[in-house]
Amino acid sequence: MQSATRKLHYVCRSDEIGEAEAKGFGPLDGTRRKIVLTRRRGVLYAWLDACPHYSTGTPMAWKTDAYLNGEKTHLTCHSHGALFEIDTGECVLGPCLGQKLTAVDIAVSDEGEIFVAAPAEEETT
């Protein structure tokens, strides 16, 4: 589970992310931005909290853990109204149409602990 080049960060237990929920964590030790965890059809996904509409990656939530649209079918950038597929990160509506969120590697231990490895460009140390 340990990556030879990137540090794994514990974020929470698997049962803390319910179906059609999204939660932000961080910024984690040694990273610049938050990581968003979400679950769809029983599968966990992790994304960098950075809308690709701007090159610097605008944070997407307008308040704590407000990452989903009202129907809980898409991740949403509340700054621009962009909608992203939960499972692929692809923008399907908004100013960044066709662009994708940055995927974050995720691992779940046998005990249900979730670990993420932030993208290398996000690490500050």
Protein backbone atom coordinates (compact mmCIF):
# COMPACT_ATOMS: atom_id res chain seq x y z
CA MET A 1 0.00 0.00 0.00
CA GLN A 2 2.88 2.44 0.67
CA SER A 3 4.02 4.31 -2.41
CA ALA A 4 7.81 4.44 -2.82
CA THR A 5 7.74 8.04 -4.00
CA ARG A 6 4.65 9.59 -2.45
CA LYS A 7 3.50 9.81 1.14
CA LEU A 8 0.19 8.19 2.06
CA HIS A 9 -2.11 10.28 4.24
CA TYR A 10 -4.80 8.79 6.47
CA VAL A 11 -8.06 10.68 5.94
CA CYS A 12 -10.91 8.71 7.55
CA ARG A 13 -12.63 5.36 7.85
CA SER A 14 -14.54 3.98 4.88
CA ASP A 15 -17.84 3.97 6.77
CA GLU A 16 -17.55 7.76 7.26
CA ILE A 17 -18.27 8.36 3.54
CA GLY A 18 -21.83 7.31 2.79
CA GLU A 19 -23.39 6.65 -0.57
CA ALA A 20 -23.91 9.93 -2.50
CA GLU A 21 -21.81 11.88 0.03
CA ALA A 22 -18.68 13.95 -0.50
CA LYS A 23 -16.27 15.25 2.11
CA GLY A 24 -13.17 17.40 1.91
CA PHE A 25 -9.98 16.69 3.86
CA GLY A 26 -6.95 18.85 4.40
CA PRO A 27 -4.95 20.44 3.19
CA LEU A 28 -3.05 17.39 4.37
CA ASP A 29 0.42 17.61 5.86
CA GLY A 30 2.77 18.61 3.06
CA THR A 31 0.07 19.41 0.48
CA ARG A 32 -1.41 22.66 -0.82
CA ARG A 33 -5.07 21.78 -1.38
CA LYS A 34 -7.88 19.68 -0.02
CA ILE A 35 -8.77 16.20 -1.22
CA VAL A 36 -12.43 15.36 -1.90
CA LEU A 37 -13.68 11.85 -1.17
CA THR A 38 -17.00 10.66 -2.52
CA ARG A 39 -18.84 7.38 -2.95
CA ARG A 40 -21.01 6.31 -5.88
CA ARG A 41 -22.55 2.87 -6.30
CA GLY A 42 -20.42 1.66 -3.41
CA VAL A 43 -17.10 2.76 -4.98
CA LEU A 44 -14.89 5.41 -3.36
CA TYR A 45 -13.34 8.15 -5.50
CA ALA A 46 -10.81 10.82 -4.55
CA TRP A 47 -10.25 14.10 -6.37
CA LEU A 48 -8.18 17.21 -5.83
CA ASP A 49 -10.39 20.10 -4.69
CA ALA A 50 -9.45 22.24 -7.68
CA CYS A 51 -11.74 23.19 -10.57
CA PRO A 52 -9.72 23.07 -13.83
CA HIS A 53 -11.45 26.22 -15.13
CA TYR A 54 -8.53 28.27 -13.80
CA SER A 55 -4.93 27.09 -14.10
CA THR A 56 -4.48 27.58 -10.36
CA GLY A 57 -7.46 25.34 -9.60
CA THR A 58 -10.25 27.13 -7.74
CA PRO A 59 -11.66 25.32 -4.66
CA MET A 60 -15.08 23.91 -5.54
CA ALA A 61 -17.19 23.95 -2.36
CA TRP A 62 -19.05 27.08 -1.26
CA LYS A 63 -19.22 25.77 2.32
CA THR A 64 -17.74 22.82 4.20
CA ASP A 65 -18.29 19.56 2.31
CA ALA A 66 -20.69 21.15 -0.22
CA TYR A 67 -19.19 19.36 -3.22
CA LEU A 68 -22.28 17.77 -4.79
CA ASN A 69 -25.14 19.29 -6.77
CA GLY A 70 -28.63 19.26 -5.24
CA GLU A 71 -29.50 15.91 -6.82
CA LYS A 72 -26.20 14.40 -5.57
CA THR A 73 -25.44 13.12 -9.06
CA HIS A 74 -22.37 15.25 -9.84
CA LEU A 75 -19.48 17.01 -8.16
CA THR A 76 -19.99 20.74 -8.57
CA CYS A 77 -17.78 23.79 -8.68
CA HIS A 78 -19.98 26.31 -6.94
CA SER A 79 -17.77 29.18 -8.18
CA HIS A 80 -18.62 28.50 -11.83
CA GLY A 81 -21.57 26.09 -11.80
CA ALA A 82 -19.52 23.38 -13.50
CA LEU A 83 -20.68 19.76 -13.11
CA PHE A 84 -18.28 16.81 -13.02
CA GLU A 85 -18.94 13.09 -13.31
CA ILE A 86 -18.27 11.49 -9.92
CA ASP A 87 -16.56 8.41 -11.35
CA THR A 88 -14.43 10.00 -14.11
CA GLY A 89 -13.99 13.62 -12.97
CA GLU A 90 -14.94 14.84 -16.45
CA CYS A 91 -16.69 18.20 -16.70
CA VAL A 92 -20.05 17.73 -18.44
CA LEU A 93 -21.44 21.24 -17.96
CA GLY A 94 -19.81 24.61 -17.44
CA PRO A 95 -16.82 26.67 -18.54
CA CYS A 96 -14.34 23.78 -18.32
CA LEU A 97 -16.39 21.37 -20.49
CA GLY A 98 -14.34 18.31 -21.42
CA GLN A 99 -11.61 18.98 -18.84
CA LYS A 100 -11.15 16.70 -15.84
CA LEU A 101 -10.57 16.98 -12.14
CA THR A 102 -7.22 15.66 -10.92
CA ALA A 103 -7.59 12.11 -9.63
CA VAL A 104 -6.02 11.22 -6.30
CA ASP A 105 -4.73 7.71 -5.59
CA ILE A 106 -6.72 6.01 -2.86
CA ALA A 107 -6.18 2.86 -0.80
CA VAL A 108 -8.44 1.22 1.76
CA SER A 109 -6.86 -1.00 4.42
CA ASP A 110 -8.36 -4.30 5.53
CA GLU A 111 -9.57 -2.41 8.62
CA GLY A 112 -11.47 0.12 6.47
CA GLU A 113 -9.02 3.01 6.86
CA ILE A 114 -8.77 5.29 3.81
CA PHE A 115 -5.39 6.60 2.72
CA VAL A 116 -4.68 8.98 -0.15
CA ALA A 117 -1.50 9.89 -2.00
CA ALA A 118 -1.69 13.49 -3.19
CA PRO A 119 -0.52 14.13 -6.75
CA ALA A 120 3.21 14.85 -6.78
CA GLU A 121 2.66 18.44 -7.97
CA GLU A 122 0.58 19.12 -4.85
CA GLU A 123 3.23 18.10 -2.35
CA THR A 124 5.05 20.98 -0.70
CA THR A 125 7.65 18.92 1.16
